[in-house]
Amino acid sequence: MSDSEEHHFESKADAGASKTYPQQAGTIRKNGYIVIKNRPCKVVEVSTSKTGKHGHAKCHFVGIDIFNGKKLEDIVPSSHNCDVPHVDRTEYQLIDISEDGYVSLLTESGNTKDDLKLPTDEALQAQIRNGYDEGKDLILTVMSAMGEEQICALKEIGGKN
């Protein structure tokens, strides 16, 4: 009876849990990733306080949200676990840009991916639009973490000099 109850409990686990993995706070370094206030962040500053009278050393994290650029802070005991997002970068070839700002991308398998908007970073957006208007072959780098995706970089292929 207790075995089946235990199995039933495991099947109710949240599917969103696979978007992050636990890592001890004391082992997270600058330029790593951490989840602060349910947002995936790149760590820009880590400071550790000494153990006080009551035990735990604390880690103070300052992170920049990888999608909207906002600065977030968190203080965690260094022995506790923090969530670290799985951050993936994938490259796609740009096929088309629609009037409403969505891009059409070619995946490695030959399918199209049409659910991404142009980035909110105006300099990067202008580079993508200008390159597309000039007929250049562009490869866009898409960063994904915790169910969100955003174009974060581009490079030109096929050296048409």
N, C-alpha and C. Protein backbone atom coordinates (compact mmCIF):
# COMPACT_ATOMS: atom_id res chain seq x y z
N MET A 1 0.83 -1.20 0.00
CA MET A 1 0.00 0.00 0.00
C MET A 1 0.87 1.26 0.00
N SER A 2 1.86 1.31 0.88
CA SER A 2 2.68 2.52 0.96
C SER A 2 3.49 2.73 -0.31
N ASP A 3 3.89 1.64 -1.00
CA ASP A 3 4.63 1.78 -2.25
C ASP A 3 3.78 2.46 -3.31
N SER A 4 2.52 2.06 -3.43
CA SER A 4 1.65 2.66 -4.46
C SER A 4 1.37 4.13 -4.14
N GLU A 5 1.21 4.46 -2.87
CA GLU A 5 1.01 5.85 -2.50
C GLU A 5 2.22 6.69 -2.86
N GLU A 6 3.39 6.13 -2.59
CA GLU A 6 4.62 6.85 -2.91
C GLU A 6 4.72 7.08 -4.41
N HIS A 7 4.39 6.06 -5.19
CA HIS A 7 4.44 6.19 -6.65
C HIS A 7 3.43 7.23 -7.12
N HIS A 8 2.24 7.23 -6.52
CA HIS A 8 1.22 8.20 -6.89
C HIS A 8 1.70 9.62 -6.62
N PHE A 9 2.40 9.82 -5.51
CA PHE A 9 2.94 11.13 -5.16
C PHE A 9 3.92 11.61 -6.23
N GLU A 10 4.81 10.73 -6.69
CA GLU A 10 5.80 11.11 -7.69
C GLU A 10 5.14 11.52 -9.01
N SER A 11 4.05 10.89 -9.36
CA SER A 11 3.41 11.20 -10.65
C SER A 11 2.76 12.58 -10.64
N LYS A 12 2.56 13.15 -9.44
CA LYS A 12 1.98 14.49 -9.37
C LYS A 12 3.02 15.59 -9.43
N ALA A 13 4.28 15.25 -9.62
CA ALA A 13 5.35 16.26 -9.65
C ALA A 13 5.08 17.29 -10.74
N ASP A 14 5.45 18.52 -10.47
CA ASP A 14 5.21 19.61 -11.40
C ASP A 14 6.08 19.47 -12.64
N ALA A 15 5.48 19.56 -13.81
CA ALA A 15 6.24 19.43 -15.06
C ALA A 15 7.22 20.57 -15.23
N GLY A 16 6.95 21.71 -14.64
CA GLY A 16 7.84 22.86 -14.76
C GLY A 16 9.16 22.68 -14.02
N ALA A 17 9.22 21.69 -13.15
CA ALA A 17 10.43 21.48 -12.37
C ALA A 17 11.62 21.13 -13.25
N SER A 18 11.40 20.56 -14.41
CA SER A 18 12.51 20.16 -15.26
C SER A 18 13.17 21.36 -15.95
N LYS A 19 12.58 22.54 -15.82
CA LYS A 19 13.17 23.74 -16.43
C LYS A 19 14.36 24.25 -15.64
N THR A 20 14.52 23.76 -14.41
CA THR A 20 15.64 24.17 -13.57
C THR A 20 16.24 22.94 -12.89
N TYR A 21 17.43 23.12 -12.33
CA TYR A 21 18.01 22.06 -11.52
C TYR A 21 18.60 22.69 -10.26
N PRO A 22 18.67 21.93 -9.16
CA PRO A 22 19.18 22.50 -7.91
C PRO A 22 20.71 22.54 -7.90
N GLN A 23 21.26 23.60 -7.32
CA GLN A 23 22.70 23.69 -7.14
C GLN A 23 22.95 24.43 -5.83
N GLN A 24 23.94 23.99 -5.08
CA GLN A 24 24.22 24.62 -3.80
C GLN A 24 24.63 26.08 -4.01
N ALA A 25 24.05 26.97 -3.23
CA ALA A 25 24.27 28.41 -3.41
C ALA A 25 25.74 28.78 -3.35
N GLY A 26 26.51 28.14 -2.49
CA GLY A 26 27.92 28.46 -2.34
C GLY A 26 28.76 28.11 -3.56
N THR A 27 28.23 27.29 -4.47
CA THR A 27 29.01 26.88 -5.65
C THR A 27 28.66 27.69 -6.90
N ILE A 28 27.68 28.58 -6.81
CA ILE A 28 27.29 29.39 -7.97
C ILE A 28 28.25 30.58 -8.08
N ARG A 29 28.81 30.77 -9.26
CA ARG A 29 29.84 31.79 -9.46
C ARG A 29 29.34 32.91 -10.39
N LYS A 30 30.13 33.97 -10.47
CA LYS A 30 29.85 35.07 -11.39
C LYS A 30 29.83 34.53 -12.82
N ASN A 31 28.96 35.07 -13.65
CA ASN A 31 28.72 34.65 -15.04
C ASN A 31 27.99 33.32 -15.16
N GLY A 32 27.58 32.74 -14.04
CA GLY A 32 26.73 31.56 -14.08
C GLY A 32 25.28 32.01 -14.18
N TYR A 33 24.35 31.07 -14.01
CA TYR A 33 22.92 31.40 -14.08
C TYR A 33 22.26 30.99 -12.78
N ILE A 34 21.19 31.72 -12.43
CA ILE A 34 20.43 31.43 -11.22
C ILE A 34 18.99 31.92 -11.44
N VAL A 35 18.04 31.32 -10.74
CA VAL A 35 16.65 31.78 -10.79
C VAL A 35 16.41 32.69 -9.58
N ILE A 36 16.07 33.95 -9.87
CA ILE A 36 15.72 34.91 -8.81
C ILE A 36 14.30 35.40 -9.08
N LYS A 37 13.43 35.26 -8.08
CA LYS A 37 12.03 35.67 -8.22
C LYS A 37 11.38 35.06 -9.47
N ASN A 38 11.63 33.78 -9.69
CA ASN A 38 11.09 33.01 -10.83
C ASN A 38 11.51 33.53 -12.19
N ARG A 39 12.64 34.24 -12.27
CA ARG A 39 13.18 34.73 -13.55
C ARG A 39 14.59 34.17 -13.74
N PRO A 40 14.92 33.68 -14.94
CA PRO A 40 16.29 33.22 -15.18
C PRO A 40 17.23 34.41 -15.28
N CYS A 41 18.32 34.39 -14.53
CA CYS A 41 19.24 35.52 -14.47
C CYS A 41 20.68 35.06 -14.67
N LYS A 42 21.47 35.95 -15.26
CA LYS A 42 22.91 35.75 -15.34
C LYS A 42 23.52 36.46 -14.14
N VAL A 43 24.36 35.75 -13.38
CA VAL A 43 24.93 36.31 -12.17
C VAL A 43 26.03 37.31 -12.53
N VAL A 44 25.91 38.55 -12.05
CA VAL A 44 26.93 39.56 -12.31
C VAL A 44 27.77 39.86 -11.07
N GLU A 45 27.27 39.47 -9.90
CA GLU A 45 28.01 39.73 -8.67
C GLU A 45 27.60 38.72 -7.61
N VAL A 46 28.60 38.18 -6.91
CA VAL A 46 28.35 37.26 -5.81
C VAL A 46 29.20 37.71 -4.64
N SER A 47 28.59 37.88 -3.47
CA SER A 47 29.39 38.16 -2.28
C SER A 47 28.92 37.22 -1.17
N THR A 48 29.85 36.74 -0.39
CA THR A 48 29.53 35.79 0.68
C THR A 48 29.85 36.43 2.01
N SER A 49 28.87 36.39 2.93
CA SER A 49 29.11 36.93 4.27
C SER A 49 29.62 35.81 5.16
N LYS A 50 30.30 36.17 6.23
CA LYS A 50 30.83 35.19 7.17
C LYS A 50 29.69 34.58 7.97
N THR A 51 29.97 33.41 8.53
CA THR A 51 28.96 32.78 9.40
C THR A 51 28.80 33.65 10.63
N GLY A 52 27.56 33.84 11.02
CA GLY A 52 27.27 34.66 12.20
C GLY A 52 27.18 33.78 13.43
N LYS A 53 26.64 34.36 14.48
CA LYS A 53 26.49 33.65 15.75
C LYS A 53 25.58 32.43 15.57
N HIS A 54 24.62 32.55 14.65
CA HIS A 54 23.62 31.48 14.50
C HIS A 54 23.84 30.63 13.26
N GLY A 55 25.06 30.54 12.76
CA GLY A 55 25.26 29.51 11.76
C GLY A 55 25.61 29.88 10.35
N HIS A 56 24.64 29.99 9.47
CA HIS A 56 24.90 29.92 8.03
C HIS A 56 25.62 31.14 7.46
N ALA A 57 26.58 30.86 6.57
CA ALA A 57 27.13 31.93 5.74
C ALA A 57 26.08 32.24 4.68
N LYS A 58 25.99 33.49 4.27
CA LYS A 58 24.98 33.87 3.28
C LYS A 58 25.65 34.29 1.98
N CYS A 59 25.01 33.95 0.86
CA CYS A 59 25.47 34.40 -0.45
C CYS A 59 24.51 35.47 -0.95
N HIS A 60 25.06 36.59 -1.36
CA HIS A 60 24.26 37.68 -1.93
C HIS A 60 24.48 37.68 -3.42
N PHE A 61 23.42 37.40 -4.18
CA PHE A 61 23.51 37.33 -5.64
C PHE A 61 22.90 38.56 -6.27
N VAL A 62 23.58 39.13 -7.25
CA VAL A 62 23.01 40.18 -8.09
C VAL A 62 22.98 39.59 -9.49
N GLY A 63 21.80 39.56 -10.10
CA GLY A 63 21.67 38.96 -11.42
C GLY A 63 20.91 39.88 -12.36
N ILE A 64 21.19 39.70 -13.66
CA ILE A 64 20.47 40.44 -14.70
C ILE A 64 19.57 39.44 -15.42
N ASP A 65 18.27 39.73 -15.46
CA ASP A 65 17.31 38.86 -16.17
C ASP A 65 17.77 38.70 -17.62
N ILE A 66 17.90 37.45 -18.07
CA ILE A 66 18.47 37.22 -19.41
C ILE A 66 17.50 37.59 -20.53
N PHE A 67 16.23 37.82 -20.20
CA PHE A 67 15.28 38.18 -21.25
C PHE A 67 14.89 39.65 -21.25
N ASN A 68 14.74 40.27 -20.08
CA ASN A 68 14.32 41.68 -20.08
C ASN A 68 15.38 42.64 -19.53
N GLY A 69 16.53 42.12 -19.08
CA GLY A 69 17.63 42.98 -18.66
C GLY A 69 17.46 43.64 -17.30
N LYS A 70 16.42 43.27 -16.53
CA LYS A 70 16.21 43.88 -15.22
C LYS A 70 17.18 43.29 -14.20
N LYS A 71 17.58 44.13 -13.26
CA LYS A 71 18.51 43.70 -12.20
C LYS A 71 17.70 43.15 -11.03
N LEU A 72 18.08 41.94 -10.58
CA LEU A 72 17.39 41.31 -9.46
C LEU A 72 18.43 40.88 -8.43
N GLU A 73 18.03 40.86 -7.14
CA GLU A 73 18.94 40.46 -6.08
C GLU A 73 18.29 39.41 -5.19
N ASP A 74 19.14 38.57 -4.59
CA ASP A 74 18.65 37.54 -3.69
C ASP A 74 19.74 37.21 -2.68
N ILE A 75 19.33 36.88 -1.45
CA ILE A 75 20.27 36.44 -0.42
C ILE A 75 19.84 35.05 0.03
N VAL A 76 20.79 34.10 -0.04
CA VAL A 76 20.49 32.69 0.24
C VAL A 76 21.59 32.13 1.14
N PRO A 77 21.23 31.32 2.15
CA PRO A 77 22.28 30.65 2.91
C PRO A 77 23.14 29.78 1.98
N SER A 78 24.47 29.84 2.14
CA SER A 78 25.36 29.19 1.17
C SER A 78 25.20 27.67 1.15
N SER A 79 24.67 27.10 2.21
CA SER A 79 24.51 25.64 2.24
C SER A 79 23.20 25.20 1.59
N HIS A 80 22.30 26.13 1.31
CA HIS A 80 21.01 25.78 0.72
C HIS A 80 21.11 25.66 -0.80
N ASN A 81 20.15 24.97 -1.39
CA ASN A 81 20.12 24.83 -2.84
C ASN A 81 19.36 25.98 -3.49
N CYS A 82 19.85 26.41 -4.65
CA CYS A 82 19.16 27.41 -5.46
C CYS A 82 18.74 26.73 -6.76
N ASP A 83 17.73 27.27 -7.41
CA ASP A 83 17.36 26.78 -8.73
C ASP A 83 18.26 27.43 -9.76
N VAL A 84 18.75 26.61 -10.69
CA VAL A 84 19.57 27.11 -11.79
C VAL A 84 18.84 26.74 -13.07
N PRO A 85 18.57 27.72 -13.96
CA PRO A 85 17.81 27.40 -15.17
C PRO A 85 18.66 26.66 -16.19
N HIS A 86 18.01 25.77 -16.96
CA HIS A 86 18.66 25.16 -18.11
C HIS A 86 18.62 26.20 -19.22
N VAL A 87 19.76 26.74 -19.61
CA VAL A 87 19.82 27.77 -20.65
C VAL A 87 20.39 27.13 -21.91
N ASP A 88 19.64 27.21 -23.00
CA ASP A 88 20.09 26.63 -24.27
C ASP A 88 20.21 27.74 -25.30
N ARG A 89 21.20 27.61 -26.17
CA ARG A 89 21.33 28.51 -27.31
C ARG A 89 21.23 27.66 -28.56
N THR A 90 20.36 28.08 -29.47
CA THR A 90 20.16 27.35 -30.73
C THR A 90 20.28 28.34 -31.87
N GLU A 91 20.87 27.89 -32.96
CA GLU A 91 21.03 28.77 -34.12
C GLU A 91 20.05 28.36 -35.21
N TYR A 92 19.41 29.37 -35.81
CA TYR A 92 18.46 29.16 -36.90
C TYR A 92 18.79 30.13 -38.03
N GLN A 93 18.47 29.72 -39.25
CA GLN A 93 18.64 30.64 -40.38
C GLN A 93 17.37 31.45 -40.55
N LEU A 94 17.55 32.76 -40.79
CA LEU A 94 16.41 33.66 -40.98
C LEU A 94 15.85 33.50 -42.39
N ILE A 95 14.54 33.27 -42.48
CA ILE A 95 13.89 33.15 -43.79
C ILE A 95 13.13 34.42 -44.14
N ASP A 96 12.37 34.92 -43.15
CA ASP A 96 11.45 36.02 -43.44
C ASP A 96 11.15 36.81 -42.18
N ILE A 97 10.79 38.08 -42.37
CA ILE A 97 10.30 38.92 -41.27
C ILE A 97 8.93 39.43 -41.69
N SER A 98 7.91 39.17 -40.87
CA SER A 98 6.55 39.62 -41.21
C SER A 98 6.36 41.07 -40.76
N GLU A 99 5.26 41.71 -41.24
CA GLU A 99 5.00 43.10 -40.89
C GLU A 99 4.77 43.29 -39.39
N ASP A 100 4.21 42.27 -38.73
CA ASP A 100 3.91 42.43 -37.31
C ASP A 100 5.09 42.07 -36.41
N GLY A 101 6.30 41.91 -36.99
CA GLY A 101 7.50 41.74 -36.18
C GLY A 101 7.86 40.31 -35.84
N TYR A 102 7.14 39.34 -36.40
CA TYR A 102 7.50 37.94 -36.17
C TYR A 102 8.51 37.50 -37.23
N VAL A 103 9.43 36.61 -36.83
CA VAL A 103 10.42 36.11 -37.77
C VAL A 103 10.08 34.67 -38.13
N SER A 104 10.43 34.29 -39.33
CA SER A 104 10.30 32.91 -39.77
C SER A 104 11.71 32.34 -39.86
N LEU A 105 11.95 31.27 -39.10
CA LEU A 105 13.29 30.70 -39.00
C LEU A 105 13.31 29.28 -39.52
N LEU A 106 14.45 28.87 -40.07
CA LEU A 106 14.64 27.51 -40.58
C LEU A 106 15.38 26.71 -39.53
N THR A 107 14.79 25.58 -39.10
CA THR A 107 15.44 24.73 -38.11
C THR A 107 16.39 23.77 -38.81
N GLU A 108 17.22 23.07 -38.02
CA GLU A 108 18.16 22.11 -38.59
C GLU A 108 17.45 20.98 -39.31
N SER A 109 16.25 20.63 -38.83
CA SER A 109 15.52 19.52 -39.44
C SER A 109 14.80 19.93 -40.73
N GLY A 110 14.88 21.23 -41.09
CA GLY A 110 14.24 21.69 -42.32
C GLY A 110 12.85 22.25 -42.13
N ASN A 111 12.36 22.24 -40.89
CA ASN A 111 11.04 22.82 -40.61
C ASN A 111 11.18 24.31 -40.35
N THR A 112 10.05 25.01 -40.30
CA THR A 112 10.11 26.43 -39.99
C THR A 112 9.61 26.66 -38.56
N LYS A 113 10.13 27.71 -37.95
CA LYS A 113 9.74 28.11 -36.60
C LYS A 113 9.24 29.54 -36.73
N ASP A 114 7.95 29.74 -36.47
CA ASP A 114 7.32 31.04 -36.74
C ASP A 114 6.77 31.73 -35.50
N ASP A 115 7.19 31.30 -34.30
CA ASP A 115 6.56 31.82 -33.09
C ASP A 115 7.42 32.83 -32.33
N LEU A 116 8.49 33.32 -32.95
CA LEU A 116 9.36 34.28 -32.27
C LEU A 116 9.22 35.68 -32.84
N LYS A 117 9.21 36.67 -31.95
CA LYS A 117 9.20 38.07 -32.39
C LYS A 117 10.63 38.57 -32.49
N LEU A 118 10.80 39.68 -33.20
CA LEU A 118 12.10 40.34 -33.23
C LEU A 118 12.48 40.74 -31.80
N PRO A 119 13.78 40.82 -31.49
CA PRO A 119 14.16 41.18 -30.12
C PRO A 119 13.77 42.61 -29.78
N THR A 120 13.61 42.87 -28.48
CA THR A 120 13.25 44.22 -28.04
C THR A 120 14.45 45.16 -28.05
N ASP A 121 15.66 44.59 -28.07
CA ASP A 121 16.89 45.39 -28.17
C ASP A 121 16.92 46.05 -29.55
N GLU A 122 16.79 47.39 -29.57
CA GLU A 122 16.60 48.09 -30.85
C GLU A 122 17.81 48.00 -31.77
N ALA A 123 19.03 47.98 -31.20
CA ALA A 123 20.24 47.89 -32.02
C ALA A 123 20.29 46.54 -32.74
N LEU A 124 20.00 45.47 -32.00
CA LEU A 124 20.00 44.13 -32.59
C LEU A 124 18.87 44.00 -33.62
N GLN A 125 17.71 44.56 -33.29
CA GLN A 125 16.57 44.52 -34.21
C GLN A 125 16.91 45.24 -35.52
N ALA A 126 17.57 46.38 -35.41
CA ALA A 126 17.95 47.14 -36.61
C ALA A 126 18.96 46.36 -37.44
N GLN A 127 19.93 45.70 -36.79
CA GLN A 127 20.91 44.88 -37.50
C GLN A 127 20.22 43.76 -38.28
N ILE A 128 19.26 43.12 -37.64
CA ILE A 128 18.55 42.00 -38.28
C ILE A 128 17.75 42.52 -39.48
N ARG A 129 16.98 43.61 -39.27
CA ARG A 129 16.17 44.17 -40.37
C ARG A 129 17.04 44.63 -41.54
N ASN A 130 18.14 45.34 -41.24
CA ASN A 130 19.01 45.85 -42.29
C ASN A 130 19.66 44.71 -43.07
N GLY A 131 20.14 43.71 -42.35
CA GLY A 131 20.75 42.55 -43.01
C GLY A 131 19.75 41.83 -43.89
N TYR A 132 18.52 41.70 -43.39
CA TYR A 132 17.47 41.02 -44.16
C TYR A 132 17.11 41.83 -45.41
N ASP A 133 16.98 43.15 -45.25
CA ASP A 133 16.63 44.02 -46.37
C ASP A 133 17.72 44.02 -47.45
N GLU A 134 18.97 43.83 -47.02
CA GLU A 134 20.08 43.79 -47.99
C GLU A 134 20.25 42.42 -48.63
N GLY A 135 19.41 41.47 -48.24
CA GLY A 135 19.45 40.13 -48.83
C GLY A 135 20.56 39.25 -48.30
N LYS A 136 21.11 39.58 -47.14
CA LYS A 136 22.18 38.76 -46.56
C LYS A 136 21.58 37.50 -45.93
N ASP A 137 22.39 36.43 -45.92
CA ASP A 137 21.99 35.22 -45.20
C ASP A 137 22.39 35.39 -43.74
N LEU A 138 21.40 35.40 -42.85
CA LEU A 138 21.67 35.63 -41.43
C LEU A 138 21.35 34.39 -40.62
N ILE A 139 22.22 34.11 -39.64
CA ILE A 139 21.97 33.07 -38.65
C ILE A 139 21.65 33.78 -37.34
N LEU A 140 20.47 33.48 -36.77
CA LEU A 140 20.07 34.10 -35.51
C LEU A 140 20.28 33.10 -34.38
N THR A 141 20.83 33.57 -33.27
CA THR A 141 21.01 32.74 -32.08
C THR A 141 19.83 33.00 -31.15
N VAL A 142 19.14 31.92 -30.78
CA VAL A 142 17.97 32.02 -29.92
C VAL A 142 18.30 31.39 -28.57
N MET A 143 18.15 32.19 -27.50
CA MET A 143 18.39 31.69 -26.16
C MET A 143 17.06 31.28 -25.56
N SER A 144 17.02 30.09 -24.94
CA SER A 144 15.78 29.64 -24.31
C SER A 144 16.07 29.17 -22.89
N ALA A 145 15.16 29.51 -21.98
CA ALA A 145 15.25 29.10 -20.58
C ALA A 145 13.87 29.19 -19.96
N MET A 146 13.50 28.21 -19.18
CA MET A 146 12.25 28.21 -18.43
C MET A 146 11.03 28.50 -19.30
N GLY A 147 11.00 27.95 -20.50
CA GLY A 147 9.83 28.09 -21.37
C GLY A 147 9.77 29.39 -22.14
N GLU A 148 10.77 30.25 -22.02
CA GLU A 148 10.82 31.50 -22.78
C GLU A 148 11.94 31.42 -23.81
N GLU A 149 11.74 32.10 -24.92
CA GLU A 149 12.76 32.15 -25.96
C GLU A 149 12.91 33.58 -26.45
N GLN A 150 14.14 33.94 -26.82
CA GLN A 150 14.37 35.28 -27.36
C GLN A 150 15.62 35.26 -28.23
N ILE A 151 15.57 36.03 -29.31
CA ILE A 151 16.73 36.16 -30.19
C ILE A 151 17.77 37.01 -29.45
N CYS A 152 19.01 36.52 -29.37
CA CYS A 152 20.02 37.26 -28.59
C CYS A 152 21.24 37.66 -29.41
N ALA A 153 21.41 37.10 -30.62
CA ALA A 153 22.59 37.45 -31.42
C ALA A 153 22.35 37.07 -32.87
N LEU A 154 23.20 37.63 -33.76
CA LEU A 154 23.11 37.24 -35.16
C LEU A 154 24.50 37.19 -35.75
N LYS A 155 24.65 36.40 -36.80
CA LYS A 155 25.89 36.42 -37.57
C LYS A 155 25.55 36.19 -39.03
N GLU A 156 26.42 36.69 -39.87
CA GLU A 156 26.19 36.62 -41.31
C GLU A 156 26.94 35.40 -41.84
N ILE A 157 26.30 34.68 -42.79
CA ILE A 157 27.00 33.56 -43.43
C ILE A 157 27.11 33.83 -44.92
N GLY A 158 27.92 33.03 -45.59
CA GLY A 158 28.06 33.19 -47.04
C GLY A 158 28.70 34.49 -47.38
N GLY A 159 30.00 34.61 -47.18
CA GLY A 159 30.72 35.86 -47.35
C GLY A 159 30.55 36.50 -48.71
N LYS A 160 29.45 37.27 -48.89
CA LYS A 160 29.21 38.02 -50.13
C LYS A 160 29.94 39.36 -50.01
N ASN A 161 31.15 39.44 -50.48
CA ASN A 161 31.93 40.68 -50.32
C ASN A 161 31.68 41.63 -51.48
